[in-house]
Amino acid sequence: MRELKQNLLIKIAICSFYIVILFDFITKVLLIYSNDTFSKFSFIPKVVILCTMLFVCFYLGTKQKIKFIILYTLMFFFAVLAYLNLYLDFQLKTLYKQLYSLLLYSYPFILVSFFNVIGKNNRRAIILSLEKHILIIGVISSILIFIGLITKIELFRSYSFSNRFGYNGIFLKTSEASYFYICLLLLCLYLFNNKYKLLFIISTLLSSLLVGTKVVWLSIFLIILIYSFKKYKKTTAIFLLIPITVYFNFRQKIDSYLIELWPRGEILYNENGIITILTSTRDILLERTILFSKENWSFINYLFGGNKYWLHKVEFEFIDLFFLFGIFGIIIFYLFLKNRFINRLQGSFSKYTLIIILICAFFAGNFFKSFLSFTVFYLVFEIIILKEKKLLYDKTSKIK
């Protein structure tokens, strides 16, 4: 009976994963080729999944197992009060927008709590069963990316109907494609450590580069840096000096190339410099948000945030968390990461995976509030943890 329930959970999890991807892709098609469409179409399966997970959490979970949902609820409540204190705005339209923005950040707490509630055996079975399907989606999306590169079909481009380079394949949002391929690349590097799988790793790497986002380039740089430091500690300094030396010797050519990748790049470069190009104007948004907060914030806002997300979004993930949820929110997210990720690290690869993802999230944003991005990260992280734990157990058994 228990085995039947577990098999049912696995089937539901796999179907849910594909349904989310499918609804995202349908929405993408409609947004590009239809003038009149429901833009939140992709949200339907996500709401159903969220409500189901919440029901399971409250029906089966103890206070200890759902403590982070409780902490998020407190954080949400105080952030709403801080927002009302800051703007004194009780209009339903703007209040709804703020509540919607805040609610997006509930997903990580709900997902992790759900897997905590269903028990170790069910969690392990579901997560390992999804490993193959993450790879399948990766293959499908990579094929679509290469088709997009050859045919220039707008459907597969990262920035449709613009001059910017990039292809996001099956994914609705380019940020989600970026995080998916960062996670997929890390998973492939862990799983396929033999020459027969080298072709798969190379195709994943090429697809990642073709997404055309700076955060993917950053992740690849970090992977190479960590690998070189681990294998050749003495030569890592030389590895770091090479790109720095190349940049200073060919600065104008490199800057010109980066400027061409960005619409209005030359104007932005002349007005603000290369940092604005590298951060995709996030430095300007940060400067404006800091100025607004300095002029308008009270002590309550420093504690609990309250900025209008759609007006003061910086897209530096942890900075956005501070402006939305304040110091209290940063503490809650730190405790969440420490309890559910940092404290559960088993080996060096899981540690490097977490470091790379969090660094990328810091500079790119749209991580904790993205249903797909956080789901794929959580699954990949858990897969690596489970395999590292098994490897550690096997080694210990041999010693005994």
Protein backbone atom coordinates (compact mmCIF):
# COMPACT_ATOMS: atom_id res chain seq x y z
CA MET A 1 0.00 0.00 0.00
CA ARG A 2 2.82 2.39 0.93
CA GLU A 3 4.60 1.50 -2.32
CA LEU A 4 1.44 2.25 -4.33
CA LYS A 5 1.14 5.67 -2.67
CA GLN A 6 4.79 6.41 -3.42
CA ASN A 7 4.36 5.41 -7.08
CA LEU A 8 1.30 7.66 -7.31
CA LEU A 9 3.26 10.60 -5.83
CA ILE A 10 6.06 10.01 -8.35
CA LYS A 11 3.61 9.98 -11.29
CA ILE A 12 1.91 13.17 -10.04
CA ALA A 13 5.30 14.90 -9.62
CA ILE A 14 6.46 13.96 -13.14
CA CYS A 15 3.13 15.00 -14.72
CA SER A 16 3.16 18.29 -12.79
CA PHE A 17 6.71 19.04 -13.99
CA TYR A 18 5.79 18.53 -17.65
CA ILE A 19 2.46 20.38 -17.32
CA VAL A 20 4.23 23.48 -15.94
CA ILE A 21 6.72 23.40 -18.85
CA LEU A 22 3.89 22.81 -21.37
CA PHE A 23 1.71 25.66 -20.08
CA ASP A 24 4.73 27.98 -20.10
CA PHE A 25 5.46 27.05 -23.72
CA ILE A 26 1.82 27.50 -24.79
CA THR A 27 1.82 30.93 -23.12
CA LYS A 28 5.04 31.78 -24.93
CA VAL A 29 3.50 30.87 -28.31
CA LEU A 30 0.37 32.93 -27.56
CA LEU A 31 2.32 35.97 -26.36
CA ILE A 32 4.49 36.04 -29.48
CA TYR A 33 1.93 35.17 -32.15
CA SER A 34 -1.39 36.39 -30.71
CA ASN A 35 -2.41 39.99 -30.02
CA ASP A 36 -5.15 39.06 -27.58
CA THR A 37 -4.27 36.45 -24.96
CA PHE A 38 -4.44 35.78 -21.25
CA SER A 39 -0.86 36.53 -20.17
CA LYS A 40 -1.23 34.63 -16.88
CA PHE A 41 -2.17 31.37 -18.63
CA SER A 42 1.06 29.73 -17.40
CA PHE A 43 0.09 30.64 -13.84
CA ILE A 44 -2.86 28.18 -13.74
CA PRO A 45 -0.96 24.89 -13.08
CA LYS A 46 1.39 26.68 -10.68
CA VAL A 47 -1.51 27.93 -8.54
CA VAL A 48 -3.03 24.43 -8.48
CA ILE A 49 0.31 22.87 -7.45
CA LEU A 50 0.90 25.55 -4.80
CA CYS A 51 -2.57 25.10 -3.29
CA THR A 52 -2.14 21.32 -3.27
CA MET A 53 1.24 21.55 -1.54
CA LEU A 54 -0.14 24.02 1.00
CA PHE A 55 -3.06 21.71 1.76
CA VAL A 56 -0.68 18.77 2.30
CA CYS A 57 1.58 20.91 4.51
CA PHE A 58 -1.23 22.05 6.80
CA TYR A 59 -3.08 18.72 6.78
CA LEU A 60 -0.10 16.43 7.45
CA GLY A 61 2.61 18.74 8.76
CA THR A 62 3.53 19.55 12.34
CA LYS A 63 4.48 23.09 13.41
CA GLN A 64 8.14 22.07 13.33
CA LYS A 65 7.92 20.81 9.75
CA ILE A 66 6.09 23.89 8.44
CA LYS A 67 7.95 26.44 10.58
CA PHE A 68 9.31 28.28 7.53
CA ILE A 69 5.80 28.78 6.11
CA ILE A 70 4.88 30.31 9.48
CA LEU A 71 7.99 32.53 9.41
CA TYR A 72 7.21 33.59 5.82
CA THR A 73 3.65 34.50 6.89
CA LEU A 74 5.04 36.76 9.62
CA MET A 75 7.49 38.31 7.16
CA PHE A 76 4.68 38.88 4.64
CA PHE A 77 2.40 40.46 7.27
CA PHE A 78 5.08 42.89 8.50
CA ALA A 79 6.09 43.79 4.91
CA VAL A 80 2.46 44.72 4.10
CA LEU A 81 2.27 46.91 7.23
CA ALA A 82 5.57 48.57 6.28
CA TYR A 83 4.24 49.21 2.74
CA LEU A 84 1.06 50.83 4.08
CA ASN A 85 3.12 52.89 6.54
CA LEU A 86 5.39 54.11 3.72
CA TYR A 87 2.84 54.94 1.02
CA LEU A 88 -0.46 55.32 2.92
CA ASP A 89 -1.92 53.80 -0.26
CA PHE A 90 -5.10 51.76 0.21
CA GLN A 91 -6.13 51.62 -3.47
CA LEU A 92 -7.08 48.05 -4.34
CA LYS A 93 -5.16 47.97 -7.64
CA THR A 94 -1.78 49.01 -6.20
CA LEU A 95 -2.31 46.98 -3.03
CA TYR A 96 -3.05 43.89 -5.14
CA LYS A 97 0.16 44.43 -7.15
CA GLN A 98 2.20 44.67 -3.95
CA LEU A 99 0.54 41.61 -2.38
CA TYR A 100 1.13 39.65 -5.60
CA SER A 101 4.82 40.64 -5.62
CA LEU A 102 5.24 39.58 -1.99
CA LEU A 103 3.34 36.31 -2.44
CA LEU A 104 5.68 35.20 -5.24
CA TYR A 105 8.40 34.80 -2.61
CA SER A 106 6.30 32.26 -0.69
CA TYR A 107 7.07 29.46 -3.14
CA PRO A 108 10.53 28.36 -1.84
CA PHE A 109 9.13 28.03 1.69
CA ILE A 110 6.11 26.03 0.51
CA LEU A 111 8.12 23.70 -1.76
CA VAL A 112 10.76 22.87 0.85
CA SER A 113 8.13 22.45 3.59
CA PHE A 114 6.10 20.12 1.35
CA PHE A 115 9.07 17.81 0.78
CA ASN A 116 9.81 17.97 4.50
CA VAL A 117 6.23 16.95 5.37
CA ILE A 118 5.92 13.96 3.00
CA GLY A 119 8.87 12.17 4.62
CA LYS A 120 12.41 11.18 3.64
CA ASN A 121 11.53 8.08 1.61
CA ASN A 122 8.89 9.84 -0.51
CA ARG A 123 11.12 12.88 -0.96
CA ARG A 124 14.04 10.73 -2.08
CA ALA A 125 11.90 8.70 -4.50
CA ILE A 126 10.26 11.76 -6.11
CA ILE A 127 13.49 13.76 -6.47
CA LEU A 128 15.50 10.89 -7.99
CA SER A 129 12.63 10.07 -10.38
CA LEU A 130 12.71 13.65 -11.72
CA GLU A 131 16.46 13.53 -12.52
CA LYS A 132 15.90 11.88 -15.92
CA HIS A 133 13.11 14.31 -16.81
CA ILE A 134 15.26 17.38 -16.09
CA LEU A 135 17.78 15.95 -18.57
CA ILE A 136 15.00 15.27 -21.12
CA ILE A 137 13.73 18.87 -20.92
CA GLY A 138 17.35 20.00 -21.28
CA VAL A 139 17.74 17.97 -24.49
CA ILE A 140 14.42 19.20 -25.95
CA SER A 141 15.23 22.83 -25.16
CA SER A 142 18.77 22.51 -26.56
CA ILE A 143 17.38 21.16 -29.85
CA LEU A 144 14.97 24.14 -30.02
CA ILE A 145 17.83 26.54 -29.23
CA PHE A 146 19.90 25.16 -32.12
CA ILE A 147 16.83 25.32 -34.40
CA GLY A 148 16.36 28.93 -33.33
CA LEU A 149 20.01 29.71 -34.06
CA ILE A 150 19.74 28.28 -37.58
CA THR A 151 16.26 29.55 -38.52
CA LYS A 152 16.11 32.77 -36.41
CA ILE A 153 12.52 31.88 -35.37
CA GLU A 154 11.31 34.51 -32.88
CA LEU A 155 9.63 31.84 -30.73
CA PHE A 156 12.98 30.45 -29.58
CA ARG A 157 14.79 33.74 -29.09
CA SER A 158 15.64 35.12 -25.64
CA TYR A 159 14.68 38.65 -26.67
CA SER A 160 11.97 38.36 -29.32
CA PHE A 161 11.72 41.11 -31.97
CA SER A 162 14.92 42.83 -30.80
CA ASN A 163 18.55 43.01 -31.93
CA ARG A 164 19.87 41.31 -28.76
CA PHE A 165 21.52 37.92 -29.18
CA GLY A 166 20.21 34.88 -27.34
CA TYR A 167 17.94 31.82 -27.57
CA ASN A 168 15.87 30.41 -24.70
CA GLY A 169 14.38 27.34 -26.40
CA ILE A 170 11.32 25.91 -24.67
CA PHE A 171 11.29 28.38 -21.78
CA LEU A 172 8.89 31.29 -21.34
CA LYS A 173 11.34 33.59 -19.56
CA THR A 174 15.01 34.10 -20.35
CA SER A 175 15.89 34.29 -16.65
CA GLU A 176 14.35 30.82 -16.18
CA ALA A 177 16.31 29.48 -19.15
CA SER A 178 19.49 30.90 -17.59
CA TYR A 179 18.96 29.27 -14.19
CA PHE A 180 17.82 26.01 -15.78
CA TYR A 181 20.98 25.72 -17.86
CA ILE A 182 23.24 26.71 -14.97
CA CYS A 183 21.65 23.94 -12.86
CA LEU A 184 21.68 21.48 -15.78
CA LEU A 185 25.37 22.14 -16.46
CA LEU A 186 26.23 21.57 -12.79
CA LEU A 187 24.16 18.37 -12.73
CA CYS A 188 25.84 17.07 -15.89
CA LEU A 189 29.30 17.81 -14.53
CA TYR A 190 28.46 15.81 -11.42
CA LEU A 191 26.71 12.88 -13.10
CA PHE A 192 28.74 12.46 -16.26
CA ASN A 193 32.32 12.25 -15.09
CA ASN A 194 33.46 9.94 -17.87
CA LYS A 195 34.48 10.47 -21.49
CA TYR A 196 31.37 8.78 -22.95
CA LYS A 197 29.14 11.58 -21.68
CA LEU A 198 31.48 14.37 -22.78
CA LEU A 199 29.35 15.10 -25.87
CA PHE A 200 26.28 15.73 -23.67
CA ILE A 201 28.25 18.14 -21.46
CA ILE A 202 29.59 20.01 -24.52
CA SER A 203 26.10 20.35 -26.06
CA THR A 204 24.75 21.59 -22.69
CA LEU A 205 27.61 24.09 -22.46
CA LEU A 206 26.96 25.36 -26.00
CA SER A 207 23.22 25.68 -25.31
CA SER A 208 24.00 27.58 -22.11
CA LEU A 209 26.19 30.04 -23.99
CA LEU A 210 23.53 30.46 -26.68
CA VAL A 211 21.00 31.63 -24.06
CA GLY A 212 23.07 34.83 -24.30
CA THR A 213 22.82 36.11 -20.72
CA LYS A 214 25.69 37.42 -18.65
CA VAL A 215 24.65 35.34 -15.64
CA VAL A 216 25.31 32.14 -17.63
CA TRP A 217 28.76 33.44 -18.57
CA LEU A 218 29.35 34.26 -14.89
CA SER A 219 28.37 30.72 -13.84
CA ILE A 220 30.74 29.16 -16.39
CA PHE A 221 33.55 31.45 -15.21
CA LEU A 222 32.87 30.41 -11.58
CA ILE A 223 32.84 26.70 -12.52
CA ILE A 224 36.21 27.04 -14.29
CA LEU A 225 37.62 29.11 -11.42
CA ILE A 226 36.55 26.60 -8.74
CA TYR A 227 37.78 23.64 -10.81
CA SER A 228 41.18 25.24 -11.46
CA PHE A 229 41.53 26.23 -7.79
CA LYS A 230 40.68 22.70 -6.66
CA LYS A 231 43.04 21.01 -9.11
CA TYR A 232 45.80 23.58 -9.52
CA LYS A 233 45.81 25.96 -6.56
CA LYS A 234 49.16 27.47 -7.51
CA THR A 235 48.09 28.35 -11.04
CA THR A 236 44.67 29.80 -10.12
CA ALA A 237 46.20 33.25 -9.62
CA ILE A 238 47.63 33.03 -13.15
CA PHE A 239 44.20 31.96 -14.45
CA LEU A 240 42.69 35.08 -12.87
CA LEU A 241 45.44 37.34 -14.19
CA ILE A 242 44.99 36.20 -17.81
CA PRO A 243 41.46 37.65 -18.39
CA ILE A 244 42.37 40.80 -16.42
CA THR A 245 45.49 41.31 -18.57
CA VAL A 246 43.57 40.56 -21.78
CA TYR A 247 40.84 43.06 -20.80
CA PHE A 248 43.26 45.91 -20.09
CA ASN A 249 45.19 45.25 -23.31
CA PHE A 250 42.08 45.00 -25.49
CA ARG A 251 39.71 47.13 -23.45
CA GLN A 252 38.26 49.17 -26.32
CA LYS A 253 37.49 46.13 -28.48
CA ILE A 254 35.93 44.18 -25.59
CA ASP A 255 33.88 47.20 -24.47
CA SER A 256 32.69 47.75 -28.06
CA TYR A 257 31.58 44.10 -28.29
CA LEU A 258 29.66 44.34 -24.99
CA ILE A 259 28.06 47.64 -26.05
CA GLU A 260 26.74 46.05 -29.27
CA LEU A 261 24.98 43.31 -27.28
CA TRP A 262 22.78 45.85 -25.48
CA PRO A 263 20.08 48.05 -27.12
CA ARG A 264 21.07 51.72 -26.71
CA GLY A 265 24.41 50.34 -25.50
CA GLU A 266 26.50 53.20 -26.87
CA ILE A 267 24.30 55.86 -25.21
CA LEU A 268 24.37 54.01 -21.87
CA TYR A 269 28.14 53.52 -22.09
CA ASN A 270 28.79 57.19 -22.84
CA GLU A 271 26.49 58.36 -20.02
CA ASN A 272 27.27 55.79 -17.31
CA GLY A 273 30.26 53.63 -18.25
CA ILE A 274 30.94 49.91 -18.66
CA ILE A 275 29.53 48.91 -15.23
CA THR A 276 26.04 49.90 -16.42
CA ILE A 277 26.46 47.66 -19.48
CA LEU A 278 27.77 44.73 -17.40
CA THR A 279 24.94 45.00 -14.86
CA SER A 280 22.26 45.68 -17.53
CA THR A 281 21.44 49.08 -15.89
CA ARG A 282 20.97 47.47 -12.45
CA ASP A 283 23.50 49.89 -10.96
CA ILE A 284 21.28 52.81 -12.03
CA LEU A 285 18.18 51.14 -10.57
CA LEU A 286 20.07 50.49 -7.32
CA GLU A 287 21.17 54.12 -7.09
CA ARG A 288 17.59 55.35 -7.59
CA THR A 289 16.17 52.88 -5.06
CA ILE A 290 18.75 53.81 -2.41
CA LEU A 291 17.99 57.50 -2.96
CA PHE A 292 14.22 56.92 -2.64
CA SER A 293 14.64 54.80 0.50
CA LYS A 294 16.97 57.31 2.18
CA GLU A 295 14.48 60.11 1.61
CA ASN A 296 11.29 58.22 2.55
CA TRP A 297 12.03 55.31 4.86
CA SER A 298 11.32 55.27 8.59
CA PHE A 299 12.71 52.86 11.20
CA ILE A 300 9.83 50.44 10.44
CA ASN A 301 10.88 50.20 6.79
CA TYR A 302 14.48 49.36 7.65
CA LEU A 303 13.12 46.52 9.77
CA PHE A 304 10.40 45.22 7.40
CA GLY A 305 10.97 46.81 3.94
CA GLY A 306 7.88 48.03 2.09
CA ASN A 307 9.04 49.46 -1.25
CA LYS A 308 6.75 49.05 -4.26
CA TYR A 309 8.43 46.16 -6.07
CA TRP A 310 7.32 47.13 -9.58
CA LEU A 311 8.73 50.66 -9.12
CA HIS A 312 11.92 49.90 -7.18
CA LYS A 313 13.00 46.51 -8.51
CA VAL A 314 16.81 46.32 -8.73
CA GLU A 315 17.19 42.65 -9.77
CA PHE A 316 20.11 42.06 -7.42
CA GLU A 317 18.31 39.26 -5.57
CA PHE A 318 19.35 39.83 -1.96
CA ILE A 319 19.16 43.60 -2.30
CA ASP A 320 15.58 43.26 -3.60
CA LEU A 321 14.81 41.09 -0.58
CA PHE A 322 16.03 43.85 1.72
CA PHE A 323 13.95 46.56 0.03
CA LEU A 324 10.87 44.31 0.05
CA PHE A 325 11.16 42.62 3.46
CA GLY A 326 13.78 44.64 5.36
CA ILE A 327 16.32 43.30 7.88
CA PHE A 328 13.73 40.89 9.27
CA GLY A 329 13.25 39.35 5.81
CA ILE A 330 17.00 38.97 5.25
CA ILE A 331 17.28 37.13 8.59
CA ILE A 332 14.39 34.79 7.65
CA PHE A 333 15.90 33.98 4.25
CA TYR A 334 19.32 33.42 5.87
CA LEU A 335 17.80 30.99 8.40
CA PHE A 336 15.93 29.26 5.56
CA LEU A 337 19.10 28.81 3.49
CA LYS A 338 21.16 27.77 6.52
CA ASN A 339 18.61 25.25 7.79
CA ARG A 340 17.52 23.66 4.52
CA PHE A 341 20.67 23.96 2.39
CA ILE A 342 23.92 24.96 4.14
CA ASN A 343 23.50 22.58 7.09
CA ARG A 344 22.72 19.70 4.72
CA LEU A 345 25.84 19.93 2.56
CA GLN A 346 27.47 16.51 2.15
CA GLY A 347 30.46 17.00 -0.13
CA SER A 348 32.43 19.60 -2.05
CA PHE A 349 30.25 19.52 -5.20
CA SER A 350 27.01 20.37 -3.36
CA LYS A 351 28.88 23.19 -1.61
CA TYR A 352 30.17 24.59 -4.92
CA THR A 353 26.70 24.22 -6.49
CA LEU A 354 25.12 26.29 -3.73
CA ILE A 355 27.87 28.94 -3.89
CA ILE A 356 27.59 29.30 -7.69
CA ILE A 357 23.79 29.53 -7.68
CA LEU A 358 23.66 32.09 -4.86
CA ILE A 359 26.35 34.27 -6.49
CA CYS A 360 24.47 34.14 -9.81
CA ALA A 361 21.18 34.92 -8.04
CA PHE A 362 22.75 37.90 -6.30
CA PHE A 363 23.76 39.49 -9.60
CA ALA A 364 20.79 38.40 -11.75
CA GLY A 365 17.71 38.38 -9.50
CA ASN A 366 14.39 36.61 -10.30
CA PHE A 367 15.45 33.48 -8.42
CA PHE A 368 13.42 32.96 -5.23
CA LYS A 369 10.21 34.25 -6.81
CA SER A 370 10.49 32.12 -9.95
CA PHE A 371 8.50 28.88 -9.73
CA LEU A 372 10.56 27.02 -12.33
CA SER A 373 14.00 28.41 -11.43
CA PHE A 374 13.77 27.55 -7.75
CA THR A 375 12.16 24.15 -8.44
CA VAL A 376 14.97 23.07 -10.77
CA PHE A 377 17.63 24.36 -8.38
CA TYR A 378 16.05 22.54 -5.43
CA LEU A 379 15.76 19.28 -7.38
CA VAL A 380 19.33 19.45 -8.71
CA PHE A 381 20.71 20.35 -5.28
CA GLU A 382 18.81 17.46 -3.64
CA ILE A 383 19.92 15.00 -6.36
CA ILE A 384 23.57 15.92 -5.74
CA ILE A 385 23.08 15.73 -1.94
CA LEU A 386 21.50 12.26 -2.17
CA LYS A 387 24.24 10.92 -4.44
CA GLU A 388 27.00 12.44 -2.29
CA LYS A 389 25.41 10.88 0.80
CA LYS A 390 25.29 7.46 -0.91
CA LEU A 391 28.92 7.81 -2.01
CA LEU A 392 29.95 8.73 1.53
CA TYR A 393 27.99 5.77 2.92
CA ASP A 394 29.61 3.36 0.43
CA LYS A 395 33.09 4.60 1.35
CA THR A 396 32.35 4.25 5.07
CA SER A 397 30.99 0.72 4.53
CA LYS A 398 34.17 -0.34 2.68
CA ILE A 399 36.37 1.00 5.49
CA LYS A 400 34.36 -0.98 8.06
